[in-house]
Each structure stands twice: as C-alpha cells, then as structure tokens.
C-alpha cells in the first residue's frame, strides 16, 4: 500500500440502527490467510454440527 492509497478518502454507507454516510481514509487489508468461502463453510458446518 503506497502513500496515495493511505491518503485517499472514500465514502461509505453504514447500516444499523442509524443509517449514515461517512468519509474515512482507513481501509482494511485482507490478511495472509483470508478466504471468505472457507469462512462461510466453517461457520455453516459448525452450526449444522451443533443442531
């Protein structure tokens, strides 16, 4: 991540009890072992096992 990406602000829609739009310059960088499909399978498998 270079300095221009750190300084770039983005607009985000936040949903919850109060919906609002905010402008932030903090972005999450995916970790080394990030895999969204694997996370879904682990979570759903654990829920099936518990039921």
C-alpha atoms as a PDB file:
ATOM      1  CA  UNK A   1       0.000   0.000   0.000  1.00  0.00           C
ATOM      2  CA  UNK A   2       1.569   3.258  -1.051  1.00  0.00           C
ATOM      3  CA  UNK A   3       1.070   6.693   0.482  1.00  0.00           C
ATOM      4  CA  UNK A   4      -1.522   7.802  -2.096  1.00  0.00           C
ATOM      5  CA  UNK A   5      -3.805   4.927  -1.116  1.00  0.00           C
ATOM      6  CA  UNK A   6      -3.452   5.774   2.571  1.00  0.00           C
ATOM      7  CA  UNK A   7      -4.379   9.428   1.980  1.00  0.00           C
ATOM      8  CA  UNK A   8      -7.294   8.711  -0.353  1.00  0.00           C
ATOM      9  CA  UNK A   9     -10.661   9.156   1.371  1.00  0.00           C
ATOM     10  CA  UNK A  10     -13.636   7.019   0.493  1.00  0.00           C
ATOM     11  CA  UNK A  11     -17.342   7.416   1.159  1.00  0.00           C
ATOM     12  CA  UNK A  12     -19.047   4.528   2.975  1.00  0.00           C
ATOM     13  CA  UNK A  13     -22.715   3.795   3.668  1.00  0.00           C
ATOM     14  CA  UNK A  14     -23.117   2.421   7.223  1.00  0.00           C
ATOM     15  CA  UNK A  15     -26.179   0.300   8.023  1.00  0.00           C
ATOM     16  CA  UNK A  16     -27.501  -0.425  11.508  1.00  0.00           C
ATOM     17  CA  UNK A  17     -29.874   1.181  13.977  1.00  0.00           C
ATOM     18  CA  UNK A  18     -28.921   4.522  12.424  1.00  0.00           C
ATOM     19  CA  UNK A  19     -28.057   4.615   8.720  1.00  0.00           C
ATOM     20  CA  UNK A  20     -25.480   7.224   7.744  1.00  0.00           C
ATOM     21  CA  UNK A  21     -22.759   8.019   5.231  1.00  0.00           C
ATOM     22  CA  UNK A  22     -19.204   8.636   6.407  1.00  0.00           C
ATOM     23  CA  UNK A  23     -15.917   9.526   4.751  1.00  0.00           C
ATOM     24  CA  UNK A  24     -12.855   7.670   6.020  1.00  0.00           C
ATOM     25  CA  UNK A  25      -9.313   7.062   4.868  1.00  0.00           C
ATOM     26  CA  UNK A  26      -8.832   3.784   6.709  1.00  0.00           C
ATOM     27  CA  UNK A  27      -9.073   0.654   4.575  1.00  0.00           C
ATOM     28  CA  UNK A  28      -8.785  -2.918   5.816  1.00  0.00           C
ATOM     29  CA  UNK A  29      -6.186  -5.001   4.057  1.00  0.00           C
ATOM     30  CA  UNK A  30      -7.016  -8.688   3.743  1.00  0.00           C
ATOM     31  CA  UNK A  31      -4.767 -10.912   5.808  1.00  0.00           C
ATOM     32  CA  UNK A  32      -2.480 -13.631   4.529  1.00  0.00           C
ATOM     33  CA  UNK A  33      -4.973 -16.432   5.292  1.00  0.00           C
ATOM     34  CA  UNK A  34      -8.190 -14.586   4.337  1.00  0.00           C
ATOM     35  CA  UNK A  35     -10.610 -16.733   2.334  1.00  0.00           C
ATOM     36  CA  UNK A  36     -14.305 -15.769   2.569  1.00  0.00           C
ATOM     37  CA  UNK A  37     -15.702 -19.023   1.134  1.00  0.00           C
ATOM     38  CA  UNK A  38     -13.757 -21.132   3.600  1.00  0.00           C
ATOM     39  CA  UNK A  39     -15.006 -18.973   6.479  1.00  0.00           C
ATOM     40  CA  UNK A  40     -18.621 -19.496   5.362  1.00  0.00           C
ATOM     41  CA  UNK A  41     -18.157 -23.273   5.152  1.00  0.00           C
ATOM     42  CA  UNK A  42     -16.573 -23.497   8.608  1.00  0.00           C
ATOM     43  CA  UNK A  43     -19.325 -21.407  10.194  1.00  0.00           C
ATOM     44  CA  UNK A  44     -22.188 -23.266   8.491  1.00  0.00           C
ATOM     45  CA  UNK A  45     -20.619 -26.650   9.257  1.00  0.00           C
ATOM     46  CA  UNK A  46     -20.312 -25.734  12.937  1.00  0.00           C
ATOM     47  CA  UNK A  47     -23.951 -24.647  13.066  1.00  0.00           C
ATOM     48  CA  UNK A  48     -25.072 -27.908  11.456  1.00  0.00           C
ATOM     49  CA  UNK A  49     -22.946 -29.873  13.907  1.00  0.00           C
ATOM     50  CA  UNK A  50     -24.474 -28.036  16.878  1.00  0.00           C
ATOM     51  CA  UNK A  51     -28.049 -28.583  15.690  1.00  0.00           C
END
